[in-house]
């Protein structure tokens, strides 16, 4: 109990140091009462509605938000390799695509590269997905993991 009381006292002391403008007081109070899941959903709604990314503001919110983001990232067990741009050396990229996704024939791989952004392969473990991304980038393509 004593440890919890210290944490509460520390949190209250920090809150007292930062004055919240009156026009935002109600909004801040409602946000403080939200669960992490509700807060994440709220941020997503704002991002979609306003067409912005809350990456930097989320970092400024402090440890609870950062901890939640880290937990969500750890939970992800499979990744999708996305080809964003085929680059200038299309033949090398086509070879890399076929090496990553051996189910694709030459024509299918060529079509995939030419119609980027496209999914190269999905449901890969993190290590394999990173390896595939490196292969595509080494061939001159732009790729990302989703």
Protein backbone atom coordinates (compact mmCIF):
# COMPACT_ATOMS: atom_id res chain seq x y z
CA UNK A 1 0.00 0.00 0.00
CA UNK A 2 2.76 2.45 0.89
CA UNK A 3 4.28 2.10 -2.59
CA UNK A 4 0.94 2.84 -4.27
CA UNK A 5 0.47 5.92 -2.11
CA UNK A 6 3.94 7.15 -3.12
CA UNK A 7 3.08 6.68 -6.80
CA UNK A 8 -0.20 8.53 -6.37
CA UNK A 9 1.53 11.37 -4.52
CA UNK A 10 4.18 11.57 -7.27
CA UNK A 11 1.52 11.60 -9.98
CA UNK A 12 -0.44 14.31 -8.14
CA UNK A 13 2.72 16.40 -7.70
CA UNK A 14 3.46 16.16 -11.42
CA UNK A 15 -0.12 17.07 -12.28
CA UNK A 16 0.03 20.11 -10.01
CA UNK A 17 3.17 21.41 -11.74
CA UNK A 18 1.49 21.45 -15.16
CA UNK A 19 -1.40 23.85 -15.42
CA UNK A 20 -4.07 22.90 -17.90
CA UNK A 21 -5.85 25.75 -19.67
CA UNK A 22 -9.50 25.96 -18.62
CA UNK A 23 -10.75 25.35 -22.16
CA UNK A 24 -9.06 21.91 -22.16
CA UNK A 25 -9.73 20.85 -18.56
CA UNK A 26 -12.84 18.76 -19.32
CA UNK A 27 -11.19 17.09 -22.30
CA UNK A 28 -8.06 16.23 -20.31
CA UNK A 29 -10.17 14.80 -17.49
CA UNK A 30 -12.07 12.55 -19.92
CA UNK A 31 -8.82 11.38 -21.54
CA UNK A 32 -7.31 10.57 -18.14
CA UNK A 33 -10.30 8.34 -17.39
CA UNK A 34 -9.94 6.35 -20.64
CA UNK A 35 -8.46 2.88 -20.76
CA UNK A 36 -5.41 2.30 -22.93
CA UNK A 37 -7.54 0.47 -25.51
CA UNK A 38 -10.08 3.30 -25.64
CA UNK A 39 -7.30 5.86 -25.90
CA UNK A 40 -5.70 3.98 -28.80
CA UNK A 41 -9.06 3.81 -30.58
CA UNK A 42 -9.64 7.53 -29.92
CA UNK A 43 -6.25 8.41 -31.42
CA UNK A 44 -6.99 6.27 -34.48
CA UNK A 45 -10.34 8.04 -34.97
CA UNK A 46 -8.62 11.43 -34.75
CA UNK A 47 -5.92 10.35 -37.21
CA UNK A 48 -8.54 9.18 -39.72
CA UNK A 49 -10.79 12.19 -39.23
CA UNK A 50 -8.04 14.82 -39.43
CA UNK A 51 -5.68 13.02 -41.80
CA UNK A 52 -2.70 13.28 -39.45
CA UNK A 53 -0.36 10.94 -37.62
CA UNK A 54 -0.10 11.06 -33.84
CA UNK A 55 3.31 9.38 -33.67
CA UNK A 56 5.14 12.35 -32.15
CA UNK A 57 2.35 13.38 -29.73
CA UNK A 58 2.01 9.79 -28.54
CA UNK A 59 5.69 9.79 -27.63
CA UNK A 60 5.21 13.00 -25.67
CA UNK A 61 2.42 11.45 -23.62
CA UNK A 62 4.92 9.49 -21.59
CA UNK A 63 5.55 6.01 -20.31
CA UNK A 64 2.02 4.55 -20.25
CA UNK A 65 1.48 5.15 -23.95
CA UNK A 66 4.99 3.98 -24.82
CA UNK A 67 4.49 0.83 -22.76
CA UNK A 68 1.22 0.07 -24.52
CA UNK A 69 2.83 0.55 -27.93
CA UNK A 70 5.69 -1.76 -26.97
CA UNK A 71 3.23 -4.44 -25.82
CA UNK A 72 1.28 -4.21 -29.07
CA UNK A 73 4.51 -4.50 -31.06
CA UNK A 74 5.64 -7.56 -29.09
CA UNK A 75 2.32 -9.29 -29.68
CA UNK A 76 2.70 -9.17 -33.45
CA UNK A 77 3.98 -12.56 -34.55
CA UNK A 78 3.66 -12.39 -38.32
CA UNK A 79 4.52 -9.73 -40.86
CA UNK A 80 3.68 -8.95 -44.46
CA UNK A 81 6.42 -7.82 -46.84
CA UNK A 82 5.14 -5.00 -49.03
CA UNK A 83 6.90 -3.83 -52.18
CA UNK A 84 6.42 -0.06 -52.28
CA UNK A 85 8.43 0.67 -55.42
CA UNK A 86 10.21 -1.59 -57.90
CA UNK A 87 13.10 0.82 -58.37
CA UNK A 88 15.25 1.21 -61.48
CA UNK A 89 16.68 -2.33 -61.61
CA UNK A 90 13.46 -4.22 -62.24
CA UNK A 91 15.15 -7.48 -63.29
CA UNK A 92 17.06 -7.72 -60.00
CA UNK A 93 13.89 -6.90 -58.06
CA UNK A 94 11.90 -9.54 -59.99
CA UNK A 95 14.57 -12.11 -59.10
CA UNK A 96 14.40 -11.08 -55.44
CA UNK A 97 10.59 -11.32 -55.46
CA UNK A 98 10.74 -14.84 -56.94
CA UNK A 99 13.36 -15.83 -54.35
CA UNK A 100 11.12 -14.58 -51.52
CA UNK A 101 7.85 -15.95 -52.88
CA UNK A 102 8.71 -19.10 -54.79
CA UNK A 103 5.05 -19.70 -55.61
CA UNK A 104 5.21 -16.87 -58.16
CA UNK A 105 6.19 -17.52 -61.73
CA UNK A 106 8.29 -15.11 -63.76
CA UNK A 107 5.28 -13.34 -65.29
CA UNK A 108 3.52 -13.05 -61.93
CA UNK A 109 6.65 -11.64 -60.28
CA UNK A 110 7.11 -9.14 -63.15
CA UNK A 111 3.48 -8.02 -62.86
CA UNK A 112 3.83 -7.65 -59.09
CA UNK A 113 6.93 -5.46 -59.43
CA UNK A 114 5.37 -3.31 -62.13
CA UNK A 115 2.15 -2.77 -60.18
CA UNK A 116 3.77 -1.81 -56.85
CA UNK A 117 2.77 -1.13 -54.11
CA UNK A 118 1.87 -4.80 -53.69
CA UNK A 119 2.13 -7.56 -51.12
CA UNK A 120 5.08 -9.87 -51.83
CA UNK A 121 4.49 -12.40 -49.06
CA UNK A 122 2.44 -12.43 -45.88
CA UNK A 123 2.40 -14.20 -42.52
CA UNK A 124 6.18 -14.38 -42.16
CA UNK A 125 8.03 -14.49 -38.84
CA UNK A 126 9.86 -11.25 -38.06
CA UNK A 127 13.33 -12.60 -38.93
CA UNK A 128 12.21 -13.93 -42.32
CA UNK A 129 10.29 -10.75 -43.10
CA UNK A 130 13.31 -8.57 -42.30
CA UNK A 131 15.51 -10.82 -44.45
CA UNK A 132 13.06 -10.52 -47.35
CA UNK A 133 12.96 -6.73 -46.97
CA UNK A 134 16.77 -6.61 -47.05
CA UNK A 135 16.83 -8.71 -50.24
CA UNK A 136 14.36 -6.38 -51.96
CA UNK A 137 16.24 -3.28 -50.86
CA UNK A 138 19.56 -4.79 -51.97
CA UNK A 139 18.03 -5.32 -55.42
CA UNK A 140 17.06 -1.62 -55.56
CA UNK A 141 13.42 -1.77 -54.48
CA UNK A 142 11.66 0.07 -51.68
CA UNK A 143 9.96 -2.30 -49.22
CA UNK A 144 8.32 -2.21 -45.82
CA UNK A 145 7.00 -4.62 -43.20
CA UNK A 146 3.35 -4.41 -42.21
